[in-house]
Every structure is written in C-alpha cells, then in structure tokens.
N, C-alpha and C. Protein backbone atom coordinates (compact mmCIF):
# COMPACT_ATOMS: atom_id res chain seq x y z
N UNK A 1 -15.11 -8.75 -19.45
CA UNK A 1 -14.48 -8.91 -18.14
C UNK A 1 -13.03 -8.41 -18.21
N UNK A 2 -12.63 -7.76 -17.21
CA UNK A 2 -11.30 -7.19 -17.12
C UNK A 2 -10.23 -8.27 -17.02
N UNK A 3 -9.08 -7.98 -17.60
CA UNK A 3 -7.97 -8.92 -17.49
C UNK A 3 -7.46 -9.01 -16.06
N UNK A 4 -7.61 -7.93 -15.28
CA UNK A 4 -7.19 -7.99 -13.87
C UNK A 4 -7.97 -9.04 -13.11
N UNK A 5 -9.24 -9.18 -13.42
CA UNK A 5 -10.07 -10.17 -12.72
C UNK A 5 -9.69 -11.60 -13.11
N UNK A 6 -9.01 -11.74 -14.23
CA UNK A 6 -8.58 -13.07 -14.68
C UNK A 6 -7.22 -13.46 -14.11
N UNK A 7 -6.53 -12.52 -13.48
CA UNK A 7 -5.19 -12.80 -12.96
C UNK A 7 -5.25 -13.66 -11.70
N UNK A 8 -4.31 -14.58 -11.60
CA UNK A 8 -4.14 -15.34 -10.37
C UNK A 8 -3.35 -14.48 -9.39
N UNK A 9 -3.22 -14.96 -8.19
CA UNK A 9 -2.43 -14.27 -7.17
C UNK A 9 -1.02 -13.98 -7.69
N UNK A 10 -0.42 -14.94 -8.38
CA UNK A 10 0.96 -14.77 -8.85
C UNK A 10 1.03 -13.77 -10.01
N UNK A 11 0.00 -13.72 -10.83
CA UNK A 11 -0.05 -12.71 -11.88
C UNK A 11 -0.16 -11.32 -11.29
N UNK A 12 -0.93 -11.21 -10.22
CA UNK A 12 -1.05 -9.93 -9.52
C UNK A 12 0.29 -9.54 -8.90
N UNK A 13 0.98 -10.51 -8.31
CA UNK A 13 2.31 -10.24 -7.74
C UNK A 13 3.25 -9.69 -8.82
N UNK A 14 3.20 -10.28 -10.00
CA UNK A 14 4.07 -9.83 -11.10
C UNK A 14 3.71 -8.43 -11.57
N UNK A 15 2.43 -8.11 -11.58
CA UNK A 15 1.97 -6.81 -12.06
C UNK A 15 2.23 -5.70 -11.04
N UNK A 16 2.19 -6.04 -9.76
CA UNK A 16 2.35 -5.06 -8.68
C UNK A 16 3.45 -5.50 -7.71
N UNK A 17 4.71 -5.59 -8.16
CA UNK A 17 5.76 -6.12 -7.27
C UNK A 17 6.03 -5.26 -6.04
N UNK A 18 5.92 -3.93 -6.15
CA UNK A 18 6.18 -3.08 -4.99
C UNK A 18 5.05 -3.19 -3.98
N UNK A 19 3.82 -3.23 -4.44
CA UNK A 19 2.70 -3.40 -3.52
C UNK A 19 2.73 -4.78 -2.88
N UNK A 20 3.21 -5.76 -3.63
CA UNK A 20 3.39 -7.10 -3.07
C UNK A 20 4.39 -7.04 -1.92
N UNK A 21 5.46 -6.28 -2.10
CA UNK A 21 6.46 -6.13 -1.05
C UNK A 21 5.87 -5.48 0.19
N UNK A 22 5.03 -4.47 -0.01
CA UNK A 22 4.38 -3.83 1.14
C UNK A 22 3.44 -4.79 1.84
N UNK A 23 2.80 -5.66 1.08
CA UNK A 23 1.91 -6.66 1.66
C UNK A 23 2.63 -7.69 2.48
N UNK A 24 3.90 -7.88 2.17
CA UNK A 24 4.70 -8.83 2.94
C UNK A 24 5.36 -8.16 4.14
N UNK A 25 5.28 -6.84 4.21
CA UNK A 25 5.90 -6.13 5.34
C UNK A 25 4.86 -5.23 6.02
N UNK A 26 4.81 -3.97 5.64
CA UNK A 26 3.94 -3.00 6.32
C UNK A 26 2.49 -3.44 6.42
N UNK A 27 1.96 -4.00 5.36
CA UNK A 27 0.54 -4.38 5.33
C UNK A 27 0.36 -5.89 5.44
N UNK A 28 1.31 -6.52 6.09
CA UNK A 28 1.23 -7.96 6.31
C UNK A 28 0.45 -8.31 7.57
N UNK A 29 0.48 -9.56 7.92
CA UNK A 29 -0.28 -10.04 9.08
C UNK A 29 0.12 -9.34 10.38
N UNK A 30 1.36 -8.93 10.47
CA UNK A 30 1.84 -8.26 11.68
C UNK A 30 1.99 -6.75 11.46
N UNK A 31 1.02 -6.16 10.78
CA UNK A 31 1.08 -4.73 10.47
C UNK A 31 1.23 -3.88 11.71
N UNK A 32 0.71 -4.36 12.84
CA UNK A 32 0.79 -3.56 14.06
C UNK A 32 2.22 -3.40 14.57
N UNK A 33 3.18 -4.15 14.05
CA UNK A 33 4.58 -3.93 14.43
C UNK A 33 5.14 -2.68 13.75
N UNK A 34 4.41 -2.15 12.75
CA UNK A 34 4.86 -0.97 12.03
C UNK A 34 4.18 0.31 12.52
N UNK A 35 3.30 0.19 13.49
CA UNK A 35 2.63 1.36 14.04
C UNK A 35 1.50 0.95 14.96
N UNK A 36 1.07 1.89 15.79
CA UNK A 36 -0.01 1.63 16.74
C UNK A 36 -1.39 1.76 16.11
N UNK A 37 -1.48 2.47 14.98
CA UNK A 37 -2.74 2.62 14.27
C UNK A 37 -2.49 2.34 12.79
N UNK A 38 -3.56 2.10 12.06
CA UNK A 38 -3.43 1.86 10.63
C UNK A 38 -2.86 3.09 9.92
N UNK A 39 -3.25 4.27 10.35
CA UNK A 39 -2.70 5.49 9.75
C UNK A 39 -1.19 5.60 9.99
N UNK A 40 -0.72 5.20 11.17
CA UNK A 40 0.72 5.21 11.44
C UNK A 40 1.45 4.21 10.54
N UNK A 41 0.85 3.07 10.32
CA UNK A 41 1.44 2.06 9.44
C UNK A 41 1.58 2.62 8.03
N UNK A 42 0.53 3.27 7.56
CA UNK A 42 0.57 3.87 6.22
C UNK A 42 1.63 4.95 6.17
N UNK A 43 1.67 5.83 7.17
CA UNK A 43 2.66 6.90 7.20
C UNK A 43 4.08 6.38 7.20
N UNK A 44 4.29 5.22 7.79
CA UNK A 44 5.62 4.63 7.90
C UNK A 44 6.02 3.82 6.66
N UNK A 45 5.08 3.52 5.79
CA UNK A 45 5.34 2.61 4.67
C UNK A 45 6.52 3.02 3.77
N UNK A 46 6.72 4.30 3.45
CA UNK A 46 7.86 4.64 2.58
C UNK A 46 9.22 4.52 3.27
N UNK A 47 9.23 4.57 4.59
CA UNK A 47 10.48 4.56 5.34
C UNK A 47 11.28 3.29 5.05
N UNK A 48 12.54 3.43 4.89
CA UNK A 48 13.41 2.28 4.67
C UNK A 48 13.49 1.84 3.21
N UNK A 49 12.77 2.54 2.34
CA UNK A 49 12.81 2.20 0.92
C UNK A 49 13.55 3.30 0.16
N UNK A 50 14.23 2.90 -0.87
CA UNK A 50 14.97 3.87 -1.69
C UNK A 50 14.03 4.53 -2.68
N UNK A 51 14.50 5.61 -3.27
CA UNK A 51 13.69 6.42 -4.17
C UNK A 51 13.09 5.61 -5.33
N UNK A 52 13.85 4.77 -6.02
CA UNK A 52 13.22 4.02 -7.12
C UNK A 52 12.02 3.18 -6.66
N UNK A 53 12.13 2.55 -5.51
CA UNK A 53 11.01 1.77 -4.96
C UNK A 53 9.80 2.68 -4.74
N UNK A 54 10.04 3.84 -4.14
CA UNK A 54 8.95 4.77 -3.86
C UNK A 54 8.28 5.24 -5.14
N UNK A 55 9.08 5.58 -6.15
CA UNK A 55 8.52 6.04 -7.42
C UNK A 55 7.74 4.93 -8.12
N UNK A 56 8.28 3.72 -8.09
CA UNK A 56 7.57 2.59 -8.69
C UNK A 56 6.28 2.30 -7.93
N UNK A 57 6.29 2.47 -6.62
CA UNK A 57 5.09 2.28 -5.82
C UNK A 57 4.02 3.29 -6.21
N UNK A 58 4.41 4.54 -6.40
CA UNK A 58 3.46 5.57 -6.85
C UNK A 58 2.83 5.15 -8.17
N UNK A 59 3.65 4.69 -9.10
CA UNK A 59 3.13 4.27 -10.40
C UNK A 59 2.16 3.09 -10.26
N UNK A 60 2.51 2.11 -9.44
CA UNK A 60 1.64 0.97 -9.23
C UNK A 60 0.32 1.38 -8.57
N UNK A 61 0.39 2.29 -7.61
CA UNK A 61 -0.82 2.75 -6.93
C UNK A 61 -1.72 3.52 -7.90
N UNK A 62 -1.15 4.32 -8.75
CA UNK A 62 -1.95 5.04 -9.75
C UNK A 62 -2.64 4.06 -10.70
N UNK A 63 -1.90 3.03 -11.09
CA UNK A 63 -2.49 1.99 -11.94
C UNK A 63 -3.64 1.31 -11.23
N UNK A 64 -3.41 0.92 -9.98
CA UNK A 64 -4.45 0.24 -9.22
C UNK A 64 -5.69 1.13 -9.05
N UNK A 65 -5.46 2.40 -8.72
CA UNK A 65 -6.59 3.30 -8.47
C UNK A 65 -7.33 3.69 -9.74
N UNK A 66 -6.76 3.41 -10.90
CA UNK A 66 -7.47 3.65 -12.16
C UNK A 66 -8.47 2.53 -12.46
N UNK A 67 -8.43 1.47 -11.67
CA UNK A 67 -9.32 0.32 -11.85
C UNK A 67 -10.67 0.57 -11.18
N UNK A 68 -11.63 -0.27 -11.53
CA UNK A 68 -12.93 -0.17 -10.86
C UNK A 68 -12.86 -0.86 -9.50
N UNK A 69 -13.89 -0.68 -8.69
CA UNK A 69 -13.87 -1.19 -7.32
C UNK A 69 -13.80 -2.72 -7.25
N UNK A 70 -14.40 -3.41 -8.20
CA UNK A 70 -14.34 -4.87 -8.22
C UNK A 70 -12.91 -5.34 -8.46
N UNK A 71 -12.21 -4.67 -9.38
CA UNK A 71 -10.82 -5.01 -9.66
C UNK A 71 -9.92 -4.69 -8.46
N UNK A 72 -10.15 -3.54 -7.84
CA UNK A 72 -9.36 -3.18 -6.65
C UNK A 72 -9.56 -4.22 -5.56
N UNK A 73 -10.78 -4.65 -5.37
CA UNK A 73 -11.09 -5.68 -4.37
C UNK A 73 -10.33 -6.98 -4.69
N UNK A 74 -10.39 -7.41 -5.93
CA UNK A 74 -9.72 -8.65 -6.34
C UNK A 74 -8.21 -8.57 -6.12
N UNK A 75 -7.62 -7.46 -6.51
CA UNK A 75 -6.17 -7.29 -6.40
C UNK A 75 -5.74 -7.15 -4.94
N UNK A 76 -6.51 -6.41 -4.16
CA UNK A 76 -6.13 -6.15 -2.76
C UNK A 76 -5.94 -7.42 -1.97
N UNK A 77 -6.86 -8.37 -2.10
CA UNK A 77 -6.79 -9.57 -1.26
C UNK A 77 -5.63 -10.47 -1.65
N UNK A 78 -5.06 -10.27 -2.83
CA UNK A 78 -3.84 -10.98 -3.19
C UNK A 78 -2.61 -10.27 -2.63
N UNK A 79 -2.71 -8.95 -2.49
CA UNK A 79 -1.54 -8.15 -2.13
C UNK A 79 -1.29 -8.00 -0.64
N UNK A 80 -2.33 -7.81 0.14
CA UNK A 80 -2.12 -7.52 1.56
C UNK A 80 -2.80 -8.55 2.45
N UNK A 81 -2.33 -8.64 3.67
CA UNK A 81 -2.81 -9.65 4.60
C UNK A 81 -3.71 -9.09 5.69
N UNK A 82 -4.04 -7.81 5.58
CA UNK A 82 -4.93 -7.18 6.55
C UNK A 82 -6.18 -6.69 5.82
N UNK A 83 -7.24 -6.48 6.56
CA UNK A 83 -8.45 -5.89 5.99
C UNK A 83 -8.56 -4.47 6.53
N UNK A 84 -8.20 -3.49 5.71
CA UNK A 84 -8.20 -2.10 6.19
C UNK A 84 -9.59 -1.50 6.32
N UNK A 85 -10.63 -2.28 6.01
CA UNK A 85 -11.98 -1.73 6.04
C UNK A 85 -12.78 -2.13 7.28
N UNK A 86 -12.20 -2.96 8.13
CA UNK A 86 -12.91 -3.36 9.35
C UNK A 86 -12.14 -2.87 10.57
N UNK A 87 -12.86 -2.62 11.62
CA UNK A 87 -12.26 -2.21 12.89
C UNK A 87 -11.99 -3.47 13.70
N UNK A 88 -10.74 -3.91 13.78
CA UNK A 88 -10.46 -5.13 14.54
C UNK A 88 -10.55 -4.87 16.04
N UNK A 89 -10.75 -5.94 16.76
CA UNK A 89 -10.78 -5.81 18.22
C UNK A 89 -9.39 -5.59 18.79
N UNK A 90 -8.40 -6.18 18.17
CA UNK A 90 -7.01 -6.03 18.62
C UNK A 90 -6.17 -5.54 17.46
N UNK A 91 -5.32 -4.61 17.57
CA UNK A 91 -5.14 -3.74 18.72
C UNK A 91 -6.29 -2.72 18.81
N UNK A 92 -6.58 -2.25 20.00
CA UNK A 92 -7.66 -1.27 20.14
C UNK A 92 -7.30 0.05 19.44
N UNK A 93 -8.32 0.73 18.97
CA UNK A 93 -8.15 2.03 18.31
C UNK A 93 -7.27 1.96 17.06
N UNK A 94 -7.28 0.80 16.41
CA UNK A 94 -6.46 0.58 15.21
C UNK A 94 -6.87 1.50 14.08
N UNK A 95 -8.17 1.63 13.84
CA UNK A 95 -8.67 2.47 12.76
C UNK A 95 -9.03 1.65 11.54
N UNK A 96 -9.86 2.23 10.71
CA UNK A 96 -10.26 1.55 9.48
C UNK A 96 -10.64 2.57 8.43
N UNK A 97 -10.79 2.12 7.20
CA UNK A 97 -11.16 2.98 6.08
C UNK A 97 -12.53 2.56 5.58
N UNK A 98 -13.28 3.49 4.99
CA UNK A 98 -14.61 3.16 4.52
C UNK A 98 -14.62 2.21 3.32
N UNK A 99 -13.50 2.12 2.63
CA UNK A 99 -13.40 1.22 1.48
C UNK A 99 -11.96 1.05 1.05
N UNK A 100 -11.73 0.10 0.16
CA UNK A 100 -10.38 -0.17 -0.30
C UNK A 100 -9.81 0.97 -1.14
N UNK A 101 -10.66 1.63 -1.93
CA UNK A 101 -10.17 2.77 -2.71
C UNK A 101 -9.65 3.86 -1.77
N UNK A 102 -10.35 4.11 -0.68
CA UNK A 102 -9.90 5.12 0.29
C UNK A 102 -8.57 4.71 0.92
N UNK A 103 -8.44 3.42 1.24
CA UNK A 103 -7.19 2.93 1.81
C UNK A 103 -6.02 3.14 0.84
N UNK A 104 -6.18 2.67 -0.39
CA UNK A 104 -5.08 2.80 -1.36
C UNK A 104 -4.81 4.26 -1.71
N UNK A 105 -5.84 5.10 -1.69
CA UNK A 105 -5.63 6.53 -1.93
C UNK A 105 -4.78 7.15 -0.83
N UNK A 106 -5.00 6.72 0.41
CA UNK A 106 -4.19 7.20 1.53
C UNK A 106 -2.74 6.75 1.39
N UNK A 107 -2.54 5.52 0.94
CA UNK A 107 -1.18 5.02 0.73
C UNK A 107 -0.50 5.82 -0.38
N UNK A 108 -1.22 6.07 -1.47
CA UNK A 108 -0.67 6.88 -2.57
C UNK A 108 -0.30 8.27 -2.07
N UNK A 109 -1.17 8.89 -1.29
CA UNK A 109 -0.90 10.23 -0.78
C UNK A 109 0.41 10.27 0.01
N UNK A 110 0.63 9.27 0.84
CA UNK A 110 1.86 9.22 1.64
C UNK A 110 3.09 9.07 0.76
N UNK A 111 3.02 8.19 -0.23
CA UNK A 111 4.17 7.99 -1.11
C UNK A 111 4.41 9.21 -2.00
N UNK A 112 3.35 9.80 -2.52
CA UNK A 112 3.51 10.99 -3.37
C UNK A 112 4.10 12.16 -2.59
N UNK A 113 3.79 12.24 -1.30
CA UNK A 113 4.27 13.36 -0.49
C UNK A 113 5.55 13.06 0.27
N UNK A 114 6.15 11.91 0.00
CA UNK A 114 7.44 11.59 0.60
C UNK A 114 8.46 12.64 0.13
N UNK A 115 9.30 13.15 1.02
CA UNK A 115 10.25 14.21 0.64
C UNK A 115 11.15 13.83 -0.54
N UNK A 116 11.60 12.59 -0.60
CA UNK A 116 12.46 12.19 -1.72
C UNK A 116 11.69 12.15 -3.04
N UNK A 117 10.47 11.66 -3.00
CA UNK A 117 9.64 11.64 -4.21
C UNK A 117 9.36 13.06 -4.66
N UNK A 118 9.06 13.94 -3.72
CA UNK A 118 8.81 15.34 -4.04
C UNK A 118 10.04 16.00 -4.67
N UNK A 119 11.22 15.69 -4.12
CA UNK A 119 12.45 16.28 -4.62
C UNK A 119 12.94 15.61 -5.90
N UNK A 120 12.50 14.38 -6.13
CA UNK A 120 12.96 13.65 -7.30
C UNK A 120 14.38 13.14 -7.16
N UNK A 121 14.87 13.11 -5.92
CA UNK A 121 16.23 12.60 -5.67
C UNK A 121 16.31 12.09 -4.25
N UNK A 122 17.28 11.24 -4.02
CA UNK A 122 17.47 10.72 -2.67
C UNK A 122 18.05 11.82 -1.79
N UNK A 123 17.59 11.84 -0.56
CA UNK A 123 18.02 12.85 0.40
C UNK A 123 18.90 12.17 1.43
N UNK A 124 20.07 12.73 1.63
CA UNK A 124 21.00 12.18 2.63
C UNK A 124 20.45 12.51 4.01
N UNK A 125 20.07 11.49 4.74
CA UNK A 125 19.47 11.68 6.07
C UNK A 125 20.54 11.89 7.15
N UNK A 126 21.81 11.67 6.79
CA UNK A 126 22.92 11.82 7.75
C UNK A 126 23.89 12.86 7.23
N UNK A 127 23.53 14.15 7.35
CA UNK A 127 24.42 15.22 6.81
C UNK A 127 25.73 15.31 7.53
C-alpha cells in the first residue's frame, strides 16, 4: 500500500502546501467567485501568486500526477472543496472534467504555461 494512502488530511497538507492553498482559495467552496466556469477558475489560479509559489505548485502537481488514480483520489478530497468531475446545477454551464487526473493535468498546464514560469523570472506587470 502506498504511503500516500496512509496520510491523514494534515499529512497531505504538509506534503502539498501550495495545492492546499489553492484548495482554500481558487478551488474552495466558493470557487465560482474566481470565474464563471471551472476552466476560468483554473486559468485564474496562478494570478496573484509570486513566481516561487507558481514553481512550487508545478513541482507539487508533477508529484501528484506521478501517482496512481487511487492516490490522486485520496489526496484530492483533502486538498480541494469542489468536485471537478460532476456537472453541478449551480452555477449553470460550470463545466466538469472526466476525471481527477484530467483536472489536475489542466491545472498543471496553466501553471507551466504562466509567463513568469516560462521566463523563469518575475515579470513587472506595471512598466
């Protein structure tokens, strides 16, 4: 049995602190305050975070995605407060993913393609 499956919620928080932070904000119970659709929420997730946070998030996501689906399932429900695999009734047209691996892969794609992560340095947004 995997050690990830033996972790409590708090052990998971310690192992994935950046994803825990996203679960308390972008992917929290009020995720719809960060966008009108789940894809918008994901696209917005890197915003407001500094480069080290973004880079650490990429590393955590790669670690998570190297796990099997049972481990991803176990870790996900400790980290986030939404179910990205179901189509909720409210808000309408929210969107969903076919599985948790697809959801986390989409989050990784957004963080990996963030301009600061791509450049490897912080970009001054106010020239």
